[in-house]
C-alpha atoms as a PDB file:
ATOM      1  CA  MET A   1     -81.170   0.883 -20.746  1.00  0.00           C
ATOM      2  CA  LEU A   2     -78.466   1.915 -19.524  1.00  0.00           C
ATOM      3  CA  LYS A   3     -79.690   5.295 -19.336  1.00  0.00           C
ATOM      4  CA  ASP A   4     -82.633   4.129 -16.640  1.00  0.00           C
ATOM      5  CA  PRO A   5     -81.169   4.285 -13.240  1.00  0.00           C
ATOM      6  CA  LYS A   6     -83.690   1.928 -11.834  1.00  0.00           C
ATOM      7  CA  LEU A   7     -84.271  -0.317 -14.435  1.00  0.00           C
ATOM      8  CA  ILE A   8     -80.347  -1.300 -13.652  1.00  0.00           C
ATOM      9  CA  PHE A   9     -81.183  -1.648 -10.178  1.00  0.00           C
ATOM     10  CA  ALA A  10     -83.850  -3.805 -10.766  1.00  0.00           C
ATOM     11  CA  VAL A  11     -82.195  -5.982 -13.015  1.00  0.00           C
ATOM     12  CA  LEU A  12     -78.895  -5.993 -10.568  1.00  0.00           C
ATOM     13  CA  THR A  13     -81.488  -7.197  -7.860  1.00  0.00           C
ATOM     14  CA  VAL A  14     -83.091 -10.012  -9.434  1.00  0.00           C
ATOM     15  CA  ALA A  15     -79.640 -10.940 -11.142  1.00  0.00           C
ATOM     16  CA  ILE A  16     -77.505 -10.749  -7.297  1.00  0.00           C
ATOM     17  CA  VAL A  17     -80.400 -12.049  -5.532  1.00  0.00           C
ATOM     18  CA  TRP A  18     -81.596 -14.498  -7.469  1.00  0.00           C
ATOM     19  CA  GLY A  19     -77.754 -15.617  -7.433  1.00  0.00           C
ATOM     20  CA  THR A  20     -78.106 -15.648  -3.788  1.00  0.00           C
ATOM     21  CA  THR A  21     -80.769 -17.855  -3.345  1.00  0.00           C
ATOM     22  CA  PHE A  22     -79.566 -21.302  -3.903  1.00  0.00           C
ATOM     23  CA  LEU A  23     -76.626 -20.688  -1.241  1.00  0.00           C
ATOM     24  CA  GLY A  24     -79.400 -20.053   1.411  1.00  0.00           C
ATOM     25  CA  ILE A  25     -82.118 -22.408   0.531  1.00  0.00           C
ATOM     26  CA  ARG A  26     -78.782 -24.860   1.155  1.00  0.00           C
ATOM     27  CA  VAL A  27     -78.097 -23.303   4.793  1.00  0.00           C
ATOM     28  CA  ALA A  28     -81.981 -23.551   5.621  1.00  0.00           C
ATOM     29  CA  VAL A  29     -82.443 -26.943   5.279  1.00  0.00           C
ATOM     30  CA  GLU A  30     -79.290 -27.761   7.196  1.00  0.00           C
ATOM     31  CA  THR A  31     -81.950 -27.741  10.460  1.00  0.00           C
ATOM     32  CA  ILE A  32     -85.009 -26.569   9.347  1.00  0.00           C
ATOM     33  CA  PRO A  33     -87.485 -29.210   7.095  1.00  0.00           C
ATOM     34  CA  PRO A  34     -87.078 -28.166   3.534  1.00  0.00           C
ATOM     35  CA  TRP A  35     -91.552 -27.366   3.490  1.00  0.00           C
ATOM     36  CA  PHE A  36     -91.219 -25.659   6.603  1.00  0.00           C
ATOM     37  CA  VAL A  37     -88.479 -23.671   5.057  1.00  0.00           C
ATOM     38  CA  ALA A  38     -90.633 -22.880   1.489  1.00  0.00           C
ATOM     39  CA  GLY A  39     -93.938 -22.209   3.198  1.00  0.00           C
ATOM     40  CA  ILE A  40     -92.847 -20.468   6.449  1.00  0.00           C
ATOM     41  CA  ARG A  41     -90.831 -18.120   3.238  1.00  0.00           C
ATOM     42  CA  GLN A  42     -93.757 -17.899   1.649  1.00  0.00           C
ATOM     43  CA  LEU A  43     -95.787 -16.299   4.892  1.00  0.00           C
ATOM     44  CA  ILE A  44     -93.332 -14.400   5.512  1.00  0.00           C
ATOM     45  CA  ALA A  45     -93.413 -12.761   2.154  1.00  0.00           C
ATOM     46  CA  ALA A  46     -97.096 -12.695   1.875  1.00  0.00           C
ATOM     47  CA  VAL A  47     -97.130 -10.809   5.353  1.00  0.00           C
ATOM     48  CA  LEU A  48     -94.859  -8.470   4.079  1.00  0.00           C
ATOM     49  CA  LEU A  49     -97.442  -7.801   0.818  1.00  0.00           C
ATOM     50  CA  LEU A  50    -100.085  -7.551   2.779  1.00  0.00           C
ATOM     51  CA  MET A  51     -98.726  -4.525   5.126  1.00  0.00           C
ATOM     52  CA  ILE A  52     -97.642  -3.414   1.503  1.00  0.00           C
ATOM     53  CA  LEU A  53    -100.685  -2.762   0.284  1.00  0.00           C
ATOM     54  CA  LEU A  54    -102.718  -1.590   3.483  1.00  0.00           C
ATOM     55  CA  PHE A  55     -99.872   0.766   3.626  1.00  0.00           C
ATOM     56  CA  SER A  56    -101.243   1.705   0.538  1.00  0.00           C
ATOM     57  CA  LYS A  57    -104.751   1.098   0.606  1.00  0.00           C
ATOM     58  CA  LYS A  58    -104.404  -1.195  -2.511  1.00  0.00           C
ATOM     59  CA  LEU A  59    -105.443  -4.097  -0.702  1.00  0.00           C
ATOM     60  CA  LYS A  60    -108.973  -5.620  -2.577  1.00  0.00           C
ATOM     61  CA  TRP A  61    -110.816  -8.802  -3.419  1.00  0.00           C
ATOM     62  CA  ILE A  62    -109.385  -9.865  -6.677  1.00  0.00           C
ATOM     63  CA  GLY A  63    -112.525 -11.925  -7.244  1.00  0.00           C
ATOM     64  CA  TRP A  64    -113.057 -16.056  -7.579  1.00  0.00           C
ATOM     65  CA  LYS A  65    -112.248 -16.033 -11.610  1.00  0.00           C
ATOM     66  CA  ASN A  66    -108.377 -14.117 -11.005  1.00  0.00           C
ATOM     67  CA  LEU A  67    -107.982 -16.080  -7.343  1.00  0.00           C
ATOM     68  CA  ARG A  68    -107.878 -19.391  -9.219  1.00  0.00           C
ATOM     69  CA  ILE A  69    -105.859 -18.407 -11.853  1.00  0.00           C
ATOM     70  CA  GLN A  70    -103.265 -16.977  -9.232  1.00  0.00           C
ATOM     71  CA  ILE A  71    -103.644 -20.432  -7.012  1.00  0.00           C
ATOM     72  CA  ILE A  72    -102.618 -22.162 -10.133  1.00  0.00           C
ATOM     73  CA  PHE A  73     -99.777 -19.756 -10.070  1.00  0.00           C
ATOM     74  CA  SER A  74     -98.943 -20.217  -7.109  1.00  0.00           C
ATOM     75  CA  ILE A  75     -99.044 -23.906  -7.487  1.00  0.00           C
ATOM     76  CA  LEU A  76     -96.581 -24.343 -10.467  1.00  0.00           C
ATOM     77  CA  MET A  77     -94.273 -21.237  -9.223  1.00  0.00           C
ATOM     78  CA  LEU A  78     -94.167 -21.448  -6.100  1.00  0.00           C
ATOM     79  CA  ILE A  79     -95.312 -24.856  -4.607  1.00  0.00           C
ATOM     80  CA  VAL A  80     -94.067 -27.150  -7.390  1.00  0.00           C
ATOM     81  CA  ALA A  81     -90.740 -24.784  -8.608  1.00  0.00           C
ATOM     82  CA  ASN A  82     -90.314 -23.061  -4.914  1.00  0.00           C
ATOM     83  CA  GLY A  83     -91.015 -26.468  -3.304  1.00  0.00           C
ATOM     84  CA  MET A  84     -89.331 -28.794  -4.816  1.00  0.00           C
ATOM     85  CA  THR A  85     -86.675 -26.600  -5.252  1.00  0.00           C
ATOM     86  CA  THR A  86     -85.916 -27.085  -1.669  1.00  0.00           C
ATOM     87  CA  VAL A  87     -86.642 -30.044  -1.216  1.00  0.00           C
ATOM     88  CA  ALA A  88     -84.330 -31.288  -3.718  1.00  0.00           C
ATOM     89  CA  GLU A  89     -81.413 -28.945  -2.018  1.00  0.00           C
ATOM     90  CA  GLU A  90     -81.663 -31.363   0.876  1.00  0.00           C
ATOM     91  CA  HIS A  91     -79.953 -33.764  -0.824  1.00  0.00           C
ATOM     92  CA  LEU A  92     -77.766 -31.990  -3.779  1.00  0.00           C
ATOM     93  CA  SER A  93     -75.252 -28.887  -3.159  1.00  0.00           C
ATOM     94  CA  SER A  94     -76.713 -25.766  -3.834  1.00  0.00           C
ATOM     95  CA  SER A  95     -73.938 -25.494  -7.501  1.00  0.00           C
ATOM     96  CA  LEU A  96     -75.636 -29.240  -8.580  1.00  0.00           C
ATOM     97  CA  ALA A  97     -79.198 -27.282  -8.498  1.00  0.00           C
ATOM     98  CA  SER A  98     -78.501 -23.932  -9.717  1.00  0.00           C
ATOM     99  CA  LEU A  99     -76.587 -25.562 -12.291  1.00  0.00           C
ATOM    100  CA  ILE A 100     -79.584 -27.926 -13.506  1.00  0.00           C
ATOM    101  CA  SER A 101     -82.297 -25.136 -12.630  1.00  0.00           C
ATOM    102  CA  ALA A 102     -81.017 -23.544 -15.524  1.00  0.00           C
ATOM    103  CA  THR A 103     -81.655 -25.534 -18.117  1.00  0.00           C
ATOM    104  CA  SER A 104     -85.735 -24.284 -17.227  1.00  0.00           C
ATOM    105  CA  PRO A 105     -84.956 -21.707 -19.949  1.00  0.00           C
ATOM    106  CA  LEU A 106     -84.969 -24.222 -22.682  1.00  0.00           C
ATOM    107  CA  LEU A 107     -87.885 -26.231 -21.040  1.00  0.00           C
ATOM    108  CA  VAL A 108     -89.726 -22.727 -21.570  1.00  0.00           C
ATOM    109  CA  PHE A 109     -88.686 -22.266 -25.294  1.00  0.00           C
ATOM    110  CA  LEU A 110     -89.817 -25.733 -26.292  1.00  0.00           C
ATOM    111  CA  GLY A 111     -92.872 -25.198 -24.663  1.00  0.00           C
ATOM    112  CA  SER A 112     -93.221 -22.088 -26.308  1.00  0.00           C
ATOM    113  CA  ILE A 113     -92.774 -23.847 -29.547  1.00  0.00           C
ATOM    114  CA  PHE A 114     -95.947 -26.774 -28.603  1.00  0.00           C
ATOM    115  CA  PHE A 115     -97.846 -24.066 -26.875  1.00  0.00           C
ATOM    116  CA  GLY A 116     -97.314 -21.884 -30.531  1.00  0.00           C
ATOM    117  CA  LEU A 117     -95.581 -19.153 -29.084  1.00  0.00           C
ATOM    118  CA  GLN A 118     -92.337 -19.372 -30.786  1.00  0.00           C
ATOM    119  CA  LYS A 119     -91.301 -20.437 -34.154  1.00  0.00           C
ATOM    120  CA  PHE A 120     -88.497 -23.338 -34.420  1.00  0.00           C
ATOM    121  CA  THR A 121     -84.862 -22.390 -35.757  1.00  0.00           C
ATOM    122  CA  TYR A 122     -82.225 -24.810 -36.478  1.00  0.00           C
ATOM    123  CA  ARG A 123     -80.194 -22.259 -34.136  1.00  0.00           C
ATOM    124  CA  SER A 124     -82.661 -23.195 -31.634  1.00  0.00           C
ATOM    125  CA  LEU A 125     -82.185 -26.949 -31.922  1.00  0.00           C
ATOM    126  CA  LEU A 126     -78.574 -26.389 -31.322  1.00  0.00           C
ATOM    127  CA  GLY A 127     -79.353 -24.062 -28.521  1.00  0.00           C
ATOM    128  CA  ILE A 128     -81.395 -27.130 -26.849  1.00  0.00           C
ATOM    129  CA  LEU A 129     -78.828 -29.479 -27.872  1.00  0.00           C
ATOM    130  CA  MET A 130     -75.835 -27.966 -26.232  1.00  0.00           C
ATOM    131  CA  GLY A 131     -77.506 -27.500 -23.350  1.00  0.00           C
ATOM    132  CA  PHE A 132     -78.817 -30.888 -22.733  1.00  0.00           C
ATOM    133  CA  SER A 133     -75.289 -31.922 -23.271  1.00  0.00           C
ATOM    134  CA  GLY A 134     -74.295 -29.338 -20.348  1.00  0.00           C
ATOM    135  CA  ILE A 135     -76.563 -31.576 -18.500  1.00  0.00           C
ATOM    136  CA  LEU A 136     -75.404 -35.110 -19.553  1.00  0.00           C
ATOM    137  CA  LEU A 137     -71.083 -34.124 -19.130  1.00  0.00           C
ATOM    138  CA  ILE A 138     -72.883 -33.219 -15.165  1.00  0.00           C
ATOM    139  CA  PHE A 139     -74.406 -36.946 -14.847  1.00  0.00           C
ATOM    140  CA  LYS A 140     -71.884 -38.871 -17.062  1.00  0.00           C
ATOM    141  CA  ASP A 141     -69.078 -39.334 -14.512  1.00  0.00           C
ATOM    142  CA  GLY A 142     -71.846 -39.625 -11.725  1.00  0.00           C
ATOM    143  CA  LEU A 143     -73.739 -42.222 -12.717  1.00  0.00           C
ATOM    144  CA  GLN A 144     -72.792 -44.348  -9.760  1.00  0.00           C
ATOM    145  CA  ASP A 145     -74.659 -41.675  -7.487  1.00  0.00           C
ATOM    146  CA  LEU A 146     -77.592 -41.930  -8.747  1.00  0.00           C
ATOM    147  CA  LEU A 147     -77.822 -45.202  -6.829  1.00  0.00           C
ATOM    148  CA  ASN A 148     -77.974 -43.216  -3.346  1.00  0.00           C
ATOM    149  CA  PRO A 149     -81.957 -42.981  -3.115  1.00  0.00           C
ATOM    150  CA  ASP A 150     -81.012 -39.749  -1.572  1.00  0.00           C
ATOM    151  CA  TYR A 151     -78.876 -38.407  -4.725  1.00  0.00           C
ATOM    152  CA  ARG A 152     -81.595 -39.747  -6.974  1.00  0.00           C
ATOM    153  CA  MET A 153     -83.975 -38.107  -5.348  1.00  0.00           C
ATOM    154  CA  GLY A 154     -82.795 -34.516  -5.436  1.00  0.00           C
ATOM    155  CA  VAL A 155     -82.220 -35.319  -9.102  1.00  0.00           C
ATOM    156  CA  ILE A 156     -85.857 -35.495  -9.967  1.00  0.00           C
ATOM    157  CA  PHE A 157     -87.381 -33.129  -7.382  1.00  0.00           C
ATOM    158  CA  ILE A 158     -84.735 -30.335  -9.256  1.00  0.00           C
ATOM    159  CA  PHE A 159     -86.632 -32.024 -12.614  1.00  0.00           C
ATOM    160  CA  ILE A 160     -89.876 -31.741 -11.155  1.00  0.00           C
ATOM    161  CA  ALA A 161     -89.093 -28.159 -10.007  1.00  0.00           C
ATOM    162  CA  ILE A 162     -87.899 -26.388 -13.225  1.00  0.00           C
ATOM    163  CA  CYS A 163     -91.086 -28.295 -15.288  1.00  0.00           C
ATOM    164  CA  GLY A 164     -93.289 -26.298 -12.567  1.00  0.00           C
ATOM    165  CA  TRP A 165     -91.341 -23.025 -13.301  1.00  0.00           C
ATOM    166  CA  ALA A 166     -91.528 -23.580 -17.037  1.00  0.00           C
ATOM    167  CA  LEU A 167     -95.265 -24.386 -17.445  1.00  0.00           C
ATOM    168  CA  GLY A 168     -95.716 -20.841 -15.542  1.00  0.00           C
ATOM    169  CA  SER A 169     -93.875 -19.209 -17.495  1.00  0.00           C
ATOM    170  CA  ILE A 170     -95.213 -20.123 -20.682  1.00  0.00           C
ATOM    171  CA  LEU A 171     -98.763 -19.816 -19.359  1.00  0.00           C
ATOM    172  CA  THR A 172     -97.479 -16.361 -18.306  1.00  0.00           C
ATOM    173  CA  LYS A 173     -97.034 -15.581 -21.909  1.00  0.00           C
ATOM    174  CA  LYS A 174     -99.890 -16.946 -23.553  1.00  0.00           C
ATOM    175  CA  MET A 175    -102.480 -15.414 -20.863  1.00  0.00           C
ATOM    176  CA  LYS A 176    -100.201 -11.860 -20.938  1.00  0.00           C
ATOM    177  CA  LEU A 177    -101.018 -11.906 -17.207  1.00  0.00           C
ATOM    178  CA  GLN A 178     -97.352  -9.579 -16.874  1.00  0.00           C
ATOM    179  CA  HIS A 179     -99.475  -6.253 -16.843  1.00  0.00           C
ATOM    180  CA  GLN A 180    -101.642  -7.108 -14.005  1.00  0.00           C
ATOM    181  CA  SER A 181    -100.904  -5.937 -10.424  1.00  0.00           C
ATOM    182  CA  ILE A 182     -98.135  -7.395  -9.232  1.00  0.00           C
ATOM    183  CA  SER A 183     -98.182  -6.735  -5.316  1.00  0.00           C
ATOM    184  CA  LEU A 184    -101.997  -7.650  -5.356  1.00  0.00           C
ATOM    185  CA  ASN A 185    -101.753 -11.080  -7.531  1.00  0.00           C
ATOM    186  CA  LEU A 186     -98.246 -11.903  -5.751  1.00  0.00           C
ATOM    187  CA  PHE A 187    -100.151 -11.283  -1.681  1.00  0.00           C
ATOM    188  CA  TYR A 188    -102.818 -14.114  -2.819  1.00  0.00           C
ATOM    189  CA  GLN A 189     -99.336 -16.463  -4.632  1.00  0.00           C
ATOM    190  CA  PHE A 190     -97.633 -16.013  -1.406  1.00  0.00           C
ATOM    191  CA  ALA A 191    -100.301 -16.373   1.105  1.00  0.00           C
ATOM    192  CA  PHE A 192    -101.905 -19.338  -0.726  1.00  0.00           C
ATOM    193  CA  ALA A 193     -98.433 -21.267  -1.097  1.00  0.00           C
ATOM    194  CA  GLY A 194     -97.309 -20.752   2.530  1.00  0.00           C
ATOM    195  CA  VAL A 195    -100.578 -22.363   4.077  1.00  0.00           C
ATOM    196  CA  ALA A 196    -100.330 -25.226   1.367  1.00  0.00           C
ATOM    197  CA  GLN A 197     -96.742 -25.242   1.894  1.00  0.00           C
ATOM    198  CA  ILE A 198     -96.920 -25.251   6.399  1.00  0.00           C
ATOM    199  CA  ALA A 199     -99.461 -27.895   5.961  1.00  0.00           C
ATOM    200  CA  LEU A 200     -97.907 -30.324   3.821  1.00  0.00           C
ATOM    201  CA  ALA A 201     -95.080 -30.533   6.180  1.00  0.00           C
ATOM    202  CA  PHE A 202     -96.758 -31.247   8.932  1.00  0.00           C
ATOM    203  CA  VAL A 203     -97.959 -33.906   7.157  1.00  0.00           C
ATOM    204  CA  VAL A 204     -94.378 -35.293   5.661  1.00  0.00           C
ATOM    205  CA  SER A 205     -92.608 -34.811   8.508  1.00  0.00           C
ATOM    206  CA  ASN A 206     -92.091 -37.556  11.333  1.00  0.00           C
ATOM    207  CA  GLU A 207     -90.740 -35.188  14.545  1.00  0.00           C
ATOM    208  CA  ILE A 208     -90.492 -31.411  14.254  1.00  0.00           C
ATOM    209  CA  ASP A 209     -87.860 -30.269  16.926  1.00  0.00           C
ATOM    210  CA  VAL A 210     -87.895 -26.434  16.792  1.00  0.00           C
ATOM    211  CA  ALA A 211     -85.824 -26.212  18.851  1.00  0.00           C
ATOM    212  CA  THR A 212     -82.787 -28.377  16.619  1.00  0.00           C
ATOM    213  CA  TRP A 213     -83.528 -25.405  13.937  1.00  0.00           C
ATOM    214  CA  SER A 214     -80.418 -22.712  13.880  1.00  0.00           C
ATOM    215  CA  TYR A 215     -80.527 -19.532  14.045  1.00  0.00           C
ATOM    216  CA  LYS A 216     -78.538 -19.694  11.029  1.00  0.00           C
ATOM    217  CA  SER A 217     -80.925 -21.444   8.674  1.00  0.00           C
ATOM    218  CA  MET A 218     -83.536 -19.406  10.254  1.00  0.00           C
ATOM    219  CA  ALA A 219     -81.697 -16.179   9.517  1.00  0.00           C
ATOM    220  CA  ALA A 220     -81.167 -17.852   5.806  1.00  0.00           C
ATOM    221  CA  THR A 221     -85.548 -18.516   5.654  1.00  0.00           C
ATOM    222  CA  VAL A 222     -86.144 -14.635   6.403  1.00  0.00           C
ATOM    223  CA  TYR A 223     -83.599 -13.542   4.317  1.00  0.00           C
ATOM    224  CA  LEU A 224     -85.509 -15.812   0.911  1.00  0.00           C
ATOM    225  CA  ALA A 225     -88.499 -14.787   2.437  1.00  0.00           C
ATOM    226  CA  VAL A 226     -87.691 -10.356   2.026  1.00  0.00           C
ATOM    227  CA  PHE A 227     -85.065 -10.510  -0.940  1.00  0.00           C
ATOM    228  CA  GLY A 228     -85.603 -13.894  -2.410  1.00  0.00           C
ATOM    229  CA  SER A 229     -89.417 -13.698  -2.849  1.00  0.00           C
ATOM    230  CA  VAL A 230     -90.751  -9.317  -2.313  1.00  0.00           C
ATOM    231  CA  ALA A 231     -87.819  -7.766  -3.294  1.00  0.00           C
ATOM    232  CA  ALA A 232     -86.426  -9.593  -6.060  1.00  0.00           C
ATOM    233  CA  TYR A 233     -89.987 -10.322  -7.354  1.00  0.00           C
ATOM    234  CA  PHE A 234     -90.401  -6.590  -7.598  1.00  0.00           C
ATOM    235  CA  ALA A 235     -88.124  -6.689  -9.335  1.00  0.00           C
ATOM    236  CA  PHE A 236     -87.925  -8.654 -11.588  1.00  0.00           C
ATOM    237  CA  HIS A 237     -91.720  -7.740 -12.865  1.00  0.00           C
ATOM    238  CA  PHE A 238     -90.485  -4.113 -13.384  1.00  0.00           C
ATOM    239  CA  ALA A 239     -87.731  -4.874 -15.552  1.00  0.00           C
ATOM    240  CA  LEU A 240     -90.518  -6.961 -17.429  1.00  0.00           C
ATOM    241  CA  LYS A 241     -91.909  -4.042 -17.752  1.00  0.00           C
ATOM    242  CA  LYS A 242     -89.694  -1.943 -19.799  1.00  0.00           C
ATOM    243  CA  ILE A 243     -87.428  -4.850 -21.397  1.00  0.00           C
ATOM    244  CA  SER A 244     -88.448  -8.077 -22.995  1.00  0.00           C
ATOM    245  CA  PRO A 245     -88.892 -11.398 -20.950  1.00  0.00           C
ATOM    246  CA  THR A 246     -85.975 -12.379 -23.628  1.00  0.00           C
ATOM    247  CA  GLN A 247     -83.739  -9.922 -21.906  1.00  0.00           C
ATOM    248  CA  ILE A 248     -84.761 -11.153 -18.396  1.00  0.00           C
ATOM    249  CA  SER A 249     -84.117 -14.929 -19.584  1.00  0.00           C
ATOM    250  CA  LEU A 250     -80.605 -13.785 -19.408  1.00  0.00           C
ATOM    251  CA  LEU A 251     -80.056 -13.213 -15.868  1.00  0.00           C
ATOM    252  CA  SER A 252     -80.419 -17.070 -15.572  1.00  0.00           C
ATOM    253  CA  TYR A 253     -77.128 -16.847 -16.376  1.00  0.00           C
ATOM    254  CA  VAL A 254     -75.790 -14.071 -13.954  1.00  0.00           C
ATOM    255  CA  ASN A 255     -77.817 -16.378 -11.464  1.00  0.00           C
ATOM    256  CA  THR A 256     -76.034 -19.830 -11.933  1.00  0.00           C
ATOM    257  CA  ILE A 257     -72.879 -18.443 -11.973  1.00  0.00           C
ATOM    258  CA  ILE A 258     -73.455 -16.377  -8.926  1.00  0.00           C
ATOM    259  CA  ALA A 259     -74.433 -19.472  -6.931  1.00  0.00           C
ATOM    260  CA  ILE A 260     -72.278 -21.868  -8.207  1.00  0.00           C
ATOM    261  CA  PHE A 261     -69.424 -19.038  -6.949  1.00  0.00           C
ATOM    262  CA  LEU A 262     -71.065 -19.087  -3.371  1.00  0.00           C
ATOM    263  CA  GLY A 263     -71.289 -22.412  -3.215  1.00  0.00           C
ATOM    264  CA  TRP A 264     -67.264 -23.231  -3.359  1.00  0.00           C
ATOM    265  CA  LEU A 265     -66.703 -20.340  -1.119  1.00  0.00           C
ATOM    266  CA  VAL A 266     -68.744 -20.713   1.447  1.00  0.00           C
ATOM    267  CA  LEU A 267     -69.935 -24.184   1.678  1.00  0.00           C
ATOM    268  CA  ASP A 268     -66.334 -25.520   0.070  1.00  0.00           C
ATOM    269  CA  GLU A 269     -68.787 -26.993  -2.424  1.00  0.00           C
ATOM    270  CA  LYS A 270     -66.572 -29.208  -5.270  1.00  0.00           C
ATOM    271  CA  ILE A 271     -66.443 -27.375  -8.245  1.00  0.00           C
ATOM    272  CA  THR A 272     -64.412 -30.773 -10.960  1.00  0.00           C
ATOM    273  CA  ALA A 273     -63.576 -29.108 -14.555  1.00  0.00           C
ATOM    274  CA  ALA A 274     -65.904 -30.919 -15.787  1.00  0.00           C
ATOM    275  CA  PHE A 275     -68.555 -28.992 -14.345  1.00  0.00           C
ATOM    276  CA  ILE A 276     -66.976 -25.419 -15.569  1.00  0.00           C
ATOM    277  CA  THR A 277     -67.326 -27.146 -19.059  1.00  0.00           C
ATOM    278  CA  ALA A 278     -70.795 -28.282 -18.203  1.00  0.00           C
ATOM    279  CA  THR A 279     -71.801 -24.741 -16.899  1.00  0.00           C
ATOM    280  CA  VAL A 280     -70.301 -23.209 -20.567  1.00  0.00           C
ATOM    281  CA  LEU A 281     -73.008 -25.827 -22.152  1.00  0.00           C
ATOM    282  CA  ILE A 282     -75.734 -24.756 -20.623  1.00  0.00           C
ATOM    283  CA  ILE A 283     -75.437 -21.471 -20.507  1.00  0.00           C
ATOM    284  CA  CYS A 284     -74.166 -21.422 -24.247  1.00  0.00           C
ATOM    285  CA  GLY A 285     -77.000 -23.573 -25.084  1.00  0.00           C
ATOM    286  CA  VAL A 286     -79.590 -21.305 -23.752  1.00  0.00           C
ATOM    287  CA  PHE A 287     -78.181 -18.094 -24.781  1.00  0.00           C
ATOM    288  CA  ILE A 288     -78.064 -19.451 -28.616  1.00  0.00           C
ATOM    289  CA  THR A 289     -81.890 -20.741 -27.994  1.00  0.00           C
ATOM    290  CA  ASN A 290     -83.121 -17.526 -26.392  1.00  0.00           C
ATOM    291  CA  TYR A 291     -81.549 -14.994 -28.966  1.00  0.00           C
ATOM    292  CA  GLN A 292     -83.151 -12.886 -30.919  1.00  0.00           C
ATOM    293  CA  LYS A 293     -82.148 -10.664 -33.389  1.00  0.00           C
ATOM    294  CA  GLY A 294     -82.479  -6.542 -31.071  1.00  0.00           C
ATOM    295  CA  MET A 295     -83.059  -8.395 -28.011  1.00  0.00           C
ATOM    296  CA  PHE A 296     -80.510  -5.823 -26.390  1.00  0.00           C
ATOM    297  CA  GLN A 297     -82.505  -2.561 -27.488  1.00  0.00           C
ATOM    298  CA  ARG A 298     -85.248  -1.528 -24.876  1.00  0.00           C
ATOM    299  CA  LYS A 299     -88.923  -1.837 -25.511  1.00  0.00           C
END
């Protein structure tokens, strides 16, 4: 891996950019309704991919069967996972949202066992227990916060989001879709998600006043589209061709650390000793669960 500059750049792009998206979402939803943030983000990403496909002359019809598959992944990974995370961050700090999202590899592992894609081990059980003990630690001293309906809904939304991401990841493994055309499939996914989320935004928004949308929030939404969606997804799939999915899963630890640091630095979000302890437990739990002998060797 260290001998391939393109792979190093791809891995660093995924680790750093996806780590910044939690901050980007939090800034975007300050003045823009969350479903508009998610929908505009996906539509911009779809337009960028359309331009790339037209320029490279690779735009084509993928067929109804593949379209149905891409719609399923669009619903799980973009509408549910990305959309619900965006809605959740209207009520939660970017640090907390990123920390809870860091447990998604644990759900992927449990789902993989259920679908027969991985075997259960006592080491993985230890990792799962460590990860979920971190989650319990987060809420141990803040149970009264769950009485706040907005906070409670935020927590529910973020857990729905990671369930959608986990299920989408499992289906990707089960259906062996990593080797299909990245840009073409992503274009259809982004386009469907963008239209669906914009439509949902008009349905659930009581009052739409674009004049109240700040330039900072709009800039954050564009950043999420260009870097968080297009650039990071391309880098992710490029890296997936070079190294294993298990190695890629390690990036979730870096994402979380970056997100928490930026939340503290930029948004002045409170980071307590218990929060740091929970972070360590979750990251260690995910690592122990996903660790495999030889995982740091190139494919």
